[in-house]
């Protein structure tokens, strides 16, 4: 899971830690909802992201 994902909403990179969780470059926990959508766990904000494939 070495590929980073780009967050179009705030310009951060998300670094996956598993198939459905990752940390962005600001330290926020992000959870994959779909291939191109993630939710910021702390705030509940939805983010459009580059393709985040479920590799498992």
N, C-alpha and C. Protein backbone atom coordinates (compact mmCIF):
# COMPACT_ATOMS: atom_id res chain seq x y z
N UNK A 1 0.81 -1.18 0.00
CA UNK A 1 0.00 0.00 0.00
C UNK A 1 0.86 1.25 0.00
N UNK A 2 1.83 1.31 -0.90
CA UNK A 2 2.74 2.43 -0.91
C UNK A 2 2.27 3.63 -1.73
N UNK A 3 1.18 3.51 -2.46
CA UNK A 3 0.71 4.59 -3.33
C UNK A 3 -0.05 5.64 -2.51
N UNK A 4 0.31 6.90 -2.70
CA UNK A 4 -0.42 7.97 -2.01
C UNK A 4 -1.62 8.40 -2.85
N UNK A 5 -2.62 8.96 -2.18
CA UNK A 5 -3.87 9.39 -2.80
C UNK A 5 -3.96 10.91 -2.65
N UNK A 6 -4.36 11.59 -3.72
CA UNK A 6 -4.48 13.04 -3.68
C UNK A 6 -5.88 13.43 -3.25
N UNK A 7 -5.97 14.35 -2.30
CA UNK A 7 -7.25 14.88 -1.81
C UNK A 7 -7.54 16.17 -2.57
N UNK A 8 -8.51 16.13 -3.48
CA UNK A 8 -8.85 17.28 -4.31
C UNK A 8 -9.44 18.44 -3.50
N UNK A 9 -10.06 18.15 -2.37
CA UNK A 9 -10.72 19.19 -1.59
C UNK A 9 -9.75 20.12 -0.88
N UNK A 10 -8.65 19.59 -0.35
CA UNK A 10 -7.73 20.47 0.36
C UNK A 10 -6.28 20.35 -0.09
N UNK A 11 -6.02 19.57 -1.12
CA UNK A 11 -4.67 19.49 -1.69
C UNK A 11 -3.70 18.63 -0.91
N UNK A 12 -4.17 17.90 0.09
CA UNK A 12 -3.29 17.03 0.87
C UNK A 12 -3.06 15.71 0.15
N UNK A 13 -2.03 15.00 0.59
CA UNK A 13 -1.82 13.62 0.17
C UNK A 13 -2.28 12.72 1.30
N UNK A 14 -2.90 11.61 0.95
CA UNK A 14 -3.32 10.60 1.92
C UNK A 14 -2.41 9.40 1.74
N UNK A 15 -1.87 8.93 2.86
CA UNK A 15 -0.98 7.78 2.84
C UNK A 15 -1.71 6.61 3.49
N UNK A 16 -2.14 5.62 2.67
CA UNK A 16 -2.92 4.51 3.20
C UNK A 16 -2.15 3.70 4.24
N UNK A 17 -2.84 3.33 5.32
CA UNK A 17 -2.28 2.45 6.33
C UNK A 17 -2.93 1.07 6.26
N UNK A 18 -4.06 0.99 5.58
CA UNK A 18 -4.76 -0.27 5.30
C UNK A 18 -5.61 -0.05 4.06
N UNK A 19 -6.45 -1.01 3.71
CA UNK A 19 -7.29 -0.87 2.52
C UNK A 19 -8.33 0.22 2.67
N UNK A 20 -8.69 0.57 3.91
CA UNK A 20 -9.76 1.56 4.09
C UNK A 20 -9.40 2.73 5.00
N UNK A 21 -8.21 2.78 5.56
CA UNK A 21 -7.80 3.89 6.42
C UNK A 21 -6.47 4.46 5.96
N UNK A 22 -6.30 5.74 6.23
CA UNK A 22 -5.04 6.40 5.89
C UNK A 22 -4.88 7.68 6.69
N UNK A 23 -3.69 8.23 6.63
CA UNK A 23 -3.38 9.51 7.26
C UNK A 23 -3.05 10.51 6.18
N UNK A 24 -3.61 11.73 6.29
CA UNK A 24 -3.26 12.75 5.30
C UNK A 24 -2.03 13.53 5.78
N UNK A 25 -1.54 14.40 4.93
CA UNK A 25 -0.30 15.12 5.23
C UNK A 25 -0.44 16.11 6.38
N UNK A 26 -1.68 16.37 6.84
CA UNK A 26 -1.91 17.21 8.03
C UNK A 26 -2.08 16.37 9.29
N UNK A 27 -2.04 15.04 9.16
CA UNK A 27 -2.19 14.15 10.31
C UNK A 27 -3.60 13.71 10.59
N UNK A 28 -4.55 14.04 9.72
CA UNK A 28 -5.95 13.64 9.90
C UNK A 28 -6.16 12.20 9.45
N UNK A 29 -6.98 11.46 10.19
CA UNK A 29 -7.33 10.09 9.81
C UNK A 29 -8.43 10.16 8.75
N UNK A 30 -8.21 9.46 7.65
CA UNK A 30 -9.16 9.43 6.54
C UNK A 30 -9.63 7.99 6.35
N UNK A 31 -10.92 7.82 6.07
CA UNK A 31 -11.48 6.51 5.83
C UNK A 31 -12.06 6.46 4.42
N UNK A 32 -11.68 5.45 3.67
CA UNK A 32 -12.16 5.26 2.30
C UNK A 32 -13.63 4.87 2.33
N UNK A 33 -14.45 5.58 1.55
CA UNK A 33 -15.86 5.23 1.41
C UNK A 33 -16.12 4.55 0.07
N UNK A 34 -15.53 5.11 -0.98
CA UNK A 34 -15.62 4.58 -2.34
C UNK A 34 -14.27 4.79 -2.99
N UNK A 35 -14.13 4.39 -4.25
CA UNK A 35 -12.86 4.55 -4.94
C UNK A 35 -12.40 6.00 -5.01
N UNK A 36 -13.32 6.95 -5.07
CA UNK A 36 -12.95 8.36 -5.21
C UNK A 36 -13.57 9.25 -4.13
N UNK A 37 -13.88 8.67 -2.98
CA UNK A 37 -14.46 9.46 -1.89
C UNK A 37 -13.94 8.93 -0.55
N UNK A 38 -13.60 9.88 0.33
CA UNK A 38 -13.14 9.53 1.67
C UNK A 38 -13.79 10.47 2.67
N UNK A 39 -13.81 10.06 3.93
CA UNK A 39 -14.35 10.89 4.99
C UNK A 39 -13.25 11.15 6.01
N UNK A 40 -13.17 12.39 6.46
CA UNK A 40 -12.24 12.75 7.52
C UNK A 40 -12.89 12.32 8.83
N UNK A 41 -12.25 11.39 9.54
CA UNK A 41 -12.87 10.75 10.70
C UNK A 41 -13.22 11.76 11.79
N UNK A 42 -12.33 12.68 12.12
CA UNK A 42 -12.57 13.62 13.22
C UNK A 42 -13.69 14.61 12.93
N UNK A 43 -13.72 15.18 11.73
CA UNK A 43 -14.69 16.23 11.42
C UNK A 43 -15.94 15.71 10.71
N UNK A 44 -15.85 14.54 10.09
CA UNK A 44 -16.97 14.01 9.33
C UNK A 44 -17.08 14.60 7.93
N UNK A 45 -16.09 15.39 7.52
CA UNK A 45 -16.12 16.01 6.20
C UNK A 45 -15.85 15.03 5.08
N UNK A 46 -16.65 15.12 4.01
CA UNK A 46 -16.45 14.29 2.83
C UNK A 46 -15.43 14.93 1.91
N UNK A 47 -14.57 14.10 1.32
CA UNK A 47 -13.52 14.59 0.43
C UNK A 47 -13.51 13.78 -0.85
N UNK A 48 -13.38 14.47 -1.97
CA UNK A 48 -13.18 13.82 -3.26
C UNK A 48 -11.67 13.57 -3.38
N UNK A 49 -11.31 12.34 -3.73
CA UNK A 49 -9.90 11.96 -3.79
C UNK A 49 -9.61 11.26 -5.11
N UNK A 50 -8.33 11.19 -5.45
CA UNK A 50 -7.93 10.40 -6.61
C UNK A 50 -8.25 8.94 -6.31
N UNK A 51 -8.28 8.07 -7.30
CA UNK A 51 -8.69 6.68 -7.08
C UNK A 51 -7.95 6.00 -5.92
N UNK A 52 -8.73 5.50 -4.96
CA UNK A 52 -8.22 4.78 -3.81
C UNK A 52 -8.80 3.38 -3.91
N UNK A 53 -8.07 2.51 -4.58
CA UNK A 53 -8.56 1.16 -4.85
C UNK A 53 -8.50 0.29 -3.60
N UNK A 54 -9.51 -0.55 -3.43
CA UNK A 54 -9.55 -1.52 -2.34
C UNK A 54 -8.73 -2.72 -2.82
N UNK A 55 -7.51 -2.85 -2.31
CA UNK A 55 -6.60 -3.88 -2.79
C UNK A 55 -6.77 -5.21 -2.09
N UNK A 56 -7.61 -5.28 -1.06
CA UNK A 56 -7.78 -6.55 -0.34
C UNK A 56 -8.98 -7.31 -0.85
